[in-house]
């Protein structure tokens, strides 16, 4: 014996008010724009504070804690990377052509100016990057290439060792952290943190 289904599958659901939907979309659009701007601003301020703390005390991570409550996330510093960057393709190509004259047609090509072919440039830049890791130098400076036959360190024209990605940071939520933060937002515990987002004034 089966249970009787008393539901009405084809019953029409009450139509949502178009006016209610319109103001909800407008409000969410404004909130999204303000949250995006606030996120960009707080990330920049957090990065500056992390960089300062790392220089001063060696701090590379900090817990995000609710007022009077648990830690809900961890913010960790991500160090930028440094490596060889071709800044003058023509000077680099002249060096490659002069260094390997018998392979100059294979390694380089002439358009309006001579350039190093992408595959060979990638090989050489990778070799310079590997050398840079072993040297662990500081600051922007000319790149060096280690001659595999002699071990001589050769300064490479047109290539600099410089930052290739900026320092940044990541946010990792802890288990239950999102729910706890959402509840703190709902109950007003984070009112001070969100005051600027809902304050008046065109954004």
Protein backbone atom coordinates (compact mmCIF):
# COMPACT_ATOMS: atom_id res chain seq x y z
CA UNK A 1 0.00 0.00 0.00
CA UNK A 2 1.50 3.33 -1.04
CA UNK A 3 1.12 6.74 0.54
CA UNK A 4 -1.13 9.18 -1.25
CA UNK A 5 0.62 12.24 -2.67
CA UNK A 6 -1.55 15.21 -1.77
CA UNK A 7 0.73 17.82 -3.39
CA UNK A 8 -0.28 19.70 -6.50
CA UNK A 9 2.71 19.51 -8.88
CA UNK A 10 1.29 21.96 -11.38
CA UNK A 11 0.18 24.54 -8.83
CA UNK A 12 1.55 27.98 -9.72
CA UNK A 13 3.99 29.53 -7.25
CA UNK A 14 3.14 33.07 -6.10
CA UNK A 15 4.76 35.58 -8.45
CA UNK A 16 7.47 37.74 -6.90
CA UNK A 17 6.82 41.46 -6.87
CA UNK A 18 8.71 43.12 -9.71
CA UNK A 19 9.18 46.21 -7.54
CA UNK A 20 10.65 44.10 -4.72
CA UNK A 21 13.01 42.36 -7.15
CA UNK A 22 14.07 45.71 -8.65
CA UNK A 23 15.07 47.26 -5.32
CA UNK A 24 16.75 44.01 -4.20
CA UNK A 25 18.88 43.97 -7.36
CA UNK A 26 19.73 47.66 -7.01
CA UNK A 27 20.73 47.18 -3.37
CA UNK A 28 22.84 44.10 -4.11
CA UNK A 29 24.52 45.89 -7.04
CA UNK A 30 25.48 48.80 -4.79
CA UNK A 31 26.65 46.46 -2.03
CA UNK A 32 28.76 44.42 -4.48
CA UNK A 33 30.46 47.56 -5.82
CA UNK A 34 31.20 48.88 -2.35
CA UNK A 35 32.43 45.51 -1.10
CA UNK A 36 34.78 45.22 -4.12
CA UNK A 37 36.21 48.69 -3.42
CA UNK A 38 36.51 47.95 0.31
CA UNK A 39 38.27 44.63 -0.38
CA UNK A 40 40.82 46.31 -2.65
CA UNK A 41 41.48 48.99 -0.03
CA UNK A 42 41.82 46.61 2.95
CA UNK A 43 44.06 44.21 0.99
CA UNK A 44 46.42 47.09 0.20
CA UNK A 45 46.50 48.21 3.85
CA UNK A 46 46.94 44.63 5.07
CA UNK A 47 49.79 44.06 2.60
CA UNK A 48 51.58 47.20 3.80
CA UNK A 49 51.16 46.12 7.43
CA UNK A 50 52.35 42.57 6.68
CA UNK A 51 55.40 43.86 4.82
CA UNK A 52 56.25 46.15 7.75
CA UNK A 53 55.75 43.34 10.30
CA UNK A 54 57.88 40.96 8.22
CA UNK A 55 60.72 43.48 8.04
CA UNK A 56 60.48 44.40 11.72
CA UNK A 57 59.70 41.09 13.43
CA UNK A 58 59.80 38.38 10.76
CA UNK A 59 56.00 37.93 10.98
CA UNK A 60 54.57 36.15 7.93
CA UNK A 61 51.04 35.23 9.07
CA UNK A 62 48.31 36.52 11.33
CA UNK A 63 45.02 35.05 12.58
CA UNK A 64 41.73 36.79 11.74
CA UNK A 65 39.78 36.69 14.99
CA UNK A 66 36.21 37.78 15.66
CA UNK A 67 35.85 40.39 18.43
CA UNK A 68 35.91 38.34 21.61
CA UNK A 69 35.56 35.18 19.59
CA UNK A 70 37.50 32.48 17.77
CA UNK A 71 39.95 32.74 14.89
CA UNK A 72 38.02 32.30 11.65
CA UNK A 73 40.82 32.57 9.08
CA UNK A 74 44.57 32.91 8.64
CA UNK A 75 46.24 35.55 6.48
CA UNK A 76 49.67 34.53 5.17
CA UNK A 77 52.34 36.58 3.42
CA UNK A 78 53.37 35.44 -0.04
CA UNK A 79 56.79 36.72 -1.02
CA UNK A 80 57.26 38.06 -4.51
CA UNK A 81 59.62 36.38 -6.95
CA UNK A 82 62.73 37.77 -8.65
CA UNK A 83 64.21 36.56 -11.92
CA UNK A 84 65.67 37.44 -15.33
CA UNK A 85 63.56 39.68 -17.58
CA UNK A 86 64.51 40.58 -21.15
CA UNK A 87 64.36 44.38 -21.18
CA UNK A 88 66.24 45.01 -24.45
CA UNK A 89 65.52 42.28 -27.01
CA UNK A 90 67.91 43.73 -29.59
CA UNK A 91 70.88 43.87 -27.19
CA UNK A 92 70.12 40.34 -26.01
CA UNK A 93 69.98 39.12 -29.64
CA UNK A 94 73.31 40.75 -30.48
CA UNK A 95 74.90 38.99 -27.51
CA UNK A 96 73.44 35.59 -28.50
CA UNK A 97 74.55 36.02 -32.14
CA UNK A 98 78.06 37.00 -31.06
CA UNK A 99 78.30 34.22 -28.45
CA UNK A 100 77.19 31.46 -30.85
CA UNK A 101 78.11 32.75 -34.33
CA UNK A 102 77.78 29.33 -35.95
CA UNK A 103 74.22 28.98 -34.61
CA UNK A 104 73.17 32.59 -35.13
CA UNK A 105 70.68 31.62 -37.85
CA UNK A 106 69.29 28.85 -35.64
CA UNK A 107 69.12 30.87 -32.41
CA UNK A 108 68.13 34.30 -33.74
CA UNK A 109 66.03 35.83 -36.47
CA UNK A 110 66.03 39.20 -38.17
CA UNK A 111 62.85 41.16 -38.58
CA UNK A 112 63.37 44.89 -38.49
CA UNK A 113 65.94 44.07 -35.82
CA UNK A 114 67.56 40.78 -34.86
CA UNK A 115 65.74 38.96 -32.04
CA UNK A 116 66.40 35.73 -30.19
CA UNK A 117 63.98 32.99 -31.15
CA UNK A 118 61.48 32.29 -28.40
CA UNK A 119 62.63 28.71 -27.74
CA UNK A 120 66.28 29.72 -27.32
CA UNK A 121 65.41 32.79 -25.25
CA UNK A 122 63.36 30.57 -22.92
CA UNK A 123 66.31 28.17 -22.52
CA UNK A 124 68.77 30.95 -21.71
CA UNK A 125 66.42 32.77 -19.36
CA UNK A 126 65.80 29.49 -17.51
CA UNK A 127 69.57 29.01 -17.14
CA UNK A 128 69.92 32.58 -15.82
CA UNK A 129 67.04 31.95 -13.38
CA UNK A 130 68.71 28.78 -12.08
CA UNK A 131 71.95 30.70 -11.57
CA UNK A 132 70.08 33.48 -9.78
CA UNK A 133 68.66 30.98 -7.29
CA UNK A 134 72.16 29.81 -6.44
CA UNK A 135 73.50 33.36 -6.12
CA UNK A 136 70.54 34.65 -4.10
CA UNK A 137 71.36 38.25 -4.91
CA UNK A 138 69.39 41.38 -4.03
CA UNK A 139 68.05 44.27 -6.08
CA UNK A 140 67.63 44.95 -9.77
CA UNK A 141 70.85 44.33 -11.69
CA UNK A 142 72.18 42.88 -14.97
CA UNK A 143 71.54 39.16 -15.41
CA UNK A 144 74.42 36.69 -15.55
CA UNK A 145 74.81 33.47 -17.51
CA UNK A 146 77.21 30.69 -16.54
CA UNK A 147 79.26 29.36 -19.46
CA UNK A 148 78.90 25.55 -19.14
CA UNK A 149 82.35 24.97 -20.66
CA UNK A 150 84.42 27.37 -18.56
CA UNK A 151 82.16 28.19 -15.62
CA UNK A 152 82.68 31.87 -16.38
CA UNK A 153 79.88 34.18 -15.27
CA UNK A 154 78.97 36.40 -18.20
CA UNK A 155 76.87 39.54 -17.88
CA UNK A 156 74.04 39.34 -20.43
CA UNK A 157 73.13 42.56 -22.27
CA UNK A 158 69.43 43.35 -22.48
CA UNK A 159 68.43 41.14 -19.53
CA UNK A 160 67.92 42.31 -15.95
CA UNK A 161 67.30 40.49 -12.70
CA UNK A 162 64.25 42.23 -11.28
CA UNK A 163 60.97 41.48 -9.48
CA UNK A 164 58.73 39.31 -11.67
CA UNK A 165 55.75 39.14 -9.29
CA UNK A 166 54.67 41.37 -6.45
CA UNK A 167 54.51 40.39 -2.81
CA UNK A 168 50.95 39.52 -1.85
CA UNK A 169 49.05 37.55 0.75
CA UNK A 170 46.38 34.86 0.93
CA UNK A 171 43.40 34.30 3.20
CA UNK A 172 42.63 30.73 4.29
CA UNK A 173 39.31 30.09 6.02
CA UNK A 174 39.31 27.82 9.03
CA UNK A 175 36.64 25.16 9.52
CA UNK A 176 33.39 26.89 10.45
CA UNK A 177 35.01 30.31 9.96
CA UNK A 178 32.65 31.48 7.23
CA UNK A 179 29.53 30.55 9.21
CA UNK A 180 30.88 32.27 12.34
CA UNK A 181 31.76 35.41 10.39
CA UNK A 182 28.35 35.48 8.68
CA UNK A 183 26.64 35.17 12.08
CA UNK A 184 28.82 37.96 13.49
CA UNK A 185 27.83 40.11 10.52
CA UNK A 186 24.12 39.28 11.01
CA UNK A 187 24.15 40.07 14.73
CA UNK A 188 26.08 43.33 14.37
CA UNK A 189 29.30 42.15 16.01
CA UNK A 190 31.20 43.39 12.93
CA UNK A 191 29.25 46.66 12.66
CA UNK A 192 32.42 48.76 12.96
CA UNK A 193 34.17 46.81 10.17
CA UNK A 194 31.20 47.21 7.81
CA UNK A 195 30.22 50.78 8.70
CA UNK A 196 32.20 52.30 5.84
CA UNK A 197 30.54 50.00 3.28
CA UNK A 198 27.01 51.08 4.20
CA UNK A 199 27.83 54.73 4.94
CA UNK A 200 26.23 57.37 2.75
CA UNK A 201 27.82 59.03 -0.24
CA UNK A 202 28.12 58.02 -3.88
CA UNK A 203 30.80 55.39 -4.54
